[in-house]
Amino acid sequence: MLITIVGCQSDAKAVPKAKMFCIKVDIPKDLKDDKVFDVSSSLSNNSNSSWKLEHGADMFTYEVYDTKGKLVHQDVKERFVDSIGYVTTLKPKGLYSYDEGEHVSPKYNELLLKKGSYEVISKAKFRINKDGKEFDFEIKSKPFRLNVY
């Protein structure tokens, strides 16, 4: 079973704006202490326009906070990220997801947490290319709570 959290605003203007996009996050429901789990994020285009979307292998990243609001770092000594770029079309009202493939190791979406309650924020970094102009975005999901047992 998955929990899905979505928070979006709509705007039908032809110039891309951050409020036209949001992040949809899916996480497994039963999370176990000290067991790796995957978080899946998708970029949602809440506008009526198609966009030329460009991003790197590290499009989606995650911030995890404990109940005191302290950032919880993942135990990763080294992370390898290929400097590769992707281009796709994000259709009106469409969703786009990217799982990092073999271009990020260990993957950003693989989390390992101890027993407890946490708040997670998904971040997406991307560019929209419209009529030769580049619009850079870094957006965040709404925080969502998860419990590890």
Protein backbone atom coordinates (compact mmCIF):
# COMPACT_ATOMS: atom_id res chain seq x y z
CA MET A 1 0.00 0.00 0.00
CA LEU A 2 1.25 3.49 -0.84
CA ILE A 3 0.54 6.88 0.66
CA THR A 4 0.23 9.66 -1.93
CA ILE A 5 0.58 13.33 -1.04
CA VAL A 6 -0.16 16.03 -3.61
CA GLY A 7 -0.24 19.81 -3.31
CA CYS A 8 -0.72 21.90 -6.46
CA GLN A 9 -1.92 25.25 -7.68
CA SER A 10 -3.08 25.96 -11.21
CA ASP A 11 -2.22 28.70 -13.67
CA ALA A 12 -2.94 28.56 -17.40
CA LYS A 13 -0.54 31.35 -18.50
CA ALA A 14 1.94 30.60 -21.26
CA VAL A 15 5.04 31.67 -19.29
CA PRO A 16 6.20 28.93 -16.89
CA LYS A 17 5.93 29.77 -13.19
CA ALA A 18 6.76 27.66 -10.15
CA LYS A 19 3.12 27.55 -9.00
CA MET A 20 2.25 25.63 -12.20
CA PHE A 21 4.21 22.64 -10.92
CA CYS A 22 4.05 20.44 -7.87
CA ILE A 23 5.57 17.23 -6.63
CA LYS A 24 3.55 14.06 -6.04
CA VAL A 25 5.20 11.71 -3.55
CA ASP A 26 4.54 7.99 -3.02
CA ILE A 27 5.97 6.11 -0.05
CA PRO A 28 5.43 2.57 1.20
CA LYS A 29 3.03 2.35 4.13
CA ASP A 30 4.76 -0.16 6.46
CA LEU A 31 8.29 1.12 7.02
CA LYS A 32 10.66 -1.01 9.07
CA ASP A 33 13.49 0.09 11.36
CA ASP A 34 16.89 0.02 9.64
CA LYS A 35 15.45 -1.28 6.35
CA VAL A 36 15.95 0.65 3.09
CA PHE A 37 12.79 1.88 1.39
CA ASP A 38 12.16 3.78 -1.83
CA VAL A 39 10.37 7.10 -2.09
CA SER A 40 8.95 7.90 -5.54
CA SER A 41 8.41 11.45 -6.73
CA SER A 42 6.69 12.77 -9.84
CA LEU A 43 6.59 16.29 -11.22
CA SER A 44 3.05 17.37 -11.96
CA ASN A 45 2.29 19.99 -14.62
CA ASN A 46 -0.86 21.67 -13.38
CA SER A 47 -1.04 24.08 -16.31
CA ASN A 48 -2.76 23.82 -19.68
CA SER A 49 0.56 24.12 -21.54
CA SER A 50 3.17 21.62 -22.72
CA TRP A 51 6.70 22.37 -21.60
CA LYS A 52 10.15 21.30 -22.77
CA LEU A 53 11.57 19.90 -19.53
CA GLU A 54 15.32 19.55 -18.93
CA HIS A 55 16.92 18.01 -15.85
CA GLY A 56 19.95 16.17 -14.55
CA ALA A 57 20.33 12.75 -12.98
CA ASP A 58 19.75 14.35 -9.57
CA MET A 59 16.35 15.88 -10.41
CA PHE A 60 14.65 14.64 -7.22
CA THR A 61 16.31 14.86 -3.80
CA TYR A 62 14.94 14.45 -0.29
CA GLU A 63 15.23 16.14 3.09
CA VAL A 64 14.30 14.17 6.21
CA TYR A 65 13.64 15.84 9.58
CA ASP A 66 13.14 14.30 13.01
CA THR A 67 10.37 15.36 15.42
CA LYS A 68 12.55 18.22 16.73
CA GLY A 69 12.98 19.62 13.21
CA LYS A 70 16.61 18.50 12.95
CA LEU A 71 17.83 17.39 9.52
CA VAL A 72 18.49 13.63 9.46
CA HIS A 73 21.41 12.83 7.18
CA GLN A 74 21.53 9.55 5.31
CA ASP A 75 24.62 7.45 6.07
CA VAL A 76 26.20 7.97 2.66
CA LYS A 77 29.95 8.52 2.57
CA GLU A 78 30.12 8.99 -1.20
CA ARG A 79 27.46 9.47 -3.85
CA PHE A 80 28.26 9.21 -7.53
CA VAL A 81 26.14 11.28 -9.91
CA ASP A 82 26.70 11.22 -13.67
CA SER A 83 26.63 14.65 -15.24
CA ILE A 84 24.00 13.66 -17.75
CA GLY A 85 21.08 15.70 -19.00
CA TYR A 86 17.58 14.66 -19.98
CA VAL A 87 15.06 16.42 -22.19
CA THR A 88 11.39 15.50 -22.41
CA THR A 89 8.00 17.09 -22.97
CA LEU A 90 5.80 17.59 -19.94
CA LYS A 91 2.23 17.57 -21.23
CA PRO A 92 -0.66 19.63 -19.85
CA LYS A 93 -1.94 18.14 -16.58
CA GLY A 94 0.73 15.44 -17.01
CA LEU A 95 3.06 13.70 -14.57
CA TYR A 96 6.75 13.00 -15.08
CA SER A 97 8.88 10.73 -12.94
CA TYR A 98 12.52 9.79 -13.11
CA ASP A 99 14.09 6.99 -11.05
CA GLU A 100 17.79 7.94 -11.50
CA GLY A 101 18.57 4.66 -13.26
CA GLU A 102 22.22 3.75 -12.93
CA HIS A 103 23.29 7.40 -12.99
CA VAL A 104 23.14 7.97 -9.22
CA SER A 105 24.66 5.61 -6.68
CA PRO A 106 23.42 5.23 -4.05
CA LYS A 107 20.09 6.59 -5.23
CA TYR A 108 18.63 9.68 -3.58
CA ASN A 109 15.23 8.02 -3.27
CA GLU A 110 16.55 5.12 -1.17
CA LEU A 111 16.12 6.07 2.49
CA LEU A 112 17.17 4.27 5.65
CA LEU A 113 15.74 5.42 8.98
CA LYS A 114 15.63 4.26 12.57
CA LYS A 115 12.38 3.68 14.45
CA GLY A 116 10.51 6.96 14.93
CA SER A 117 8.46 9.71 13.31
CA TYR A 118 9.82 11.89 10.53
CA GLU A 119 8.88 14.63 8.13
CA VAL A 120 10.10 14.32 4.54
CA ILE A 121 10.28 16.95 1.81
CA SER A 122 10.91 16.06 -1.82
CA LYS A 123 12.74 18.64 -3.94
CA ALA A 124 12.83 18.85 -7.73
CA LYS A 125 15.38 20.81 -9.74
CA PHE A 126 14.63 21.32 -13.43
CA ARG A 127 14.59 23.77 -16.31
CA ILE A 128 11.84 24.72 -18.74
CA ASN A 129 13.00 25.87 -22.16
CA LYS A 130 10.35 28.06 -23.82
CA ASP A 131 10.92 29.98 -27.05
CA GLY A 132 14.68 30.00 -26.52
CA LYS A 133 14.41 31.28 -22.94
CA GLU A 134 15.45 29.15 -20.00
CA PHE A 135 13.48 29.14 -16.75
CA ASP A 136 15.23 27.38 -13.84
CA PHE A 137 13.13 25.95 -11.02
CA GLU A 138 13.76 24.34 -7.67
CA ILE A 139 10.48 23.43 -6.00
CA LYS A 140 9.60 21.51 -2.83
CA SER A 141 6.73 19.24 -1.91
CA LYS A 142 4.65 19.93 1.11
CA PRO A 143 6.17 18.14 4.12
CA PHE A 144 4.70 14.74 4.78
CA ARG A 145 4.90 12.61 7.90
CA LEU A 146 6.03 9.04 8.02
CA ASN A 147 6.48 6.56 10.82
CA VAL A 148 9.11 3.86 10.95
CA TYR A 149 8.38 0.83 13.17
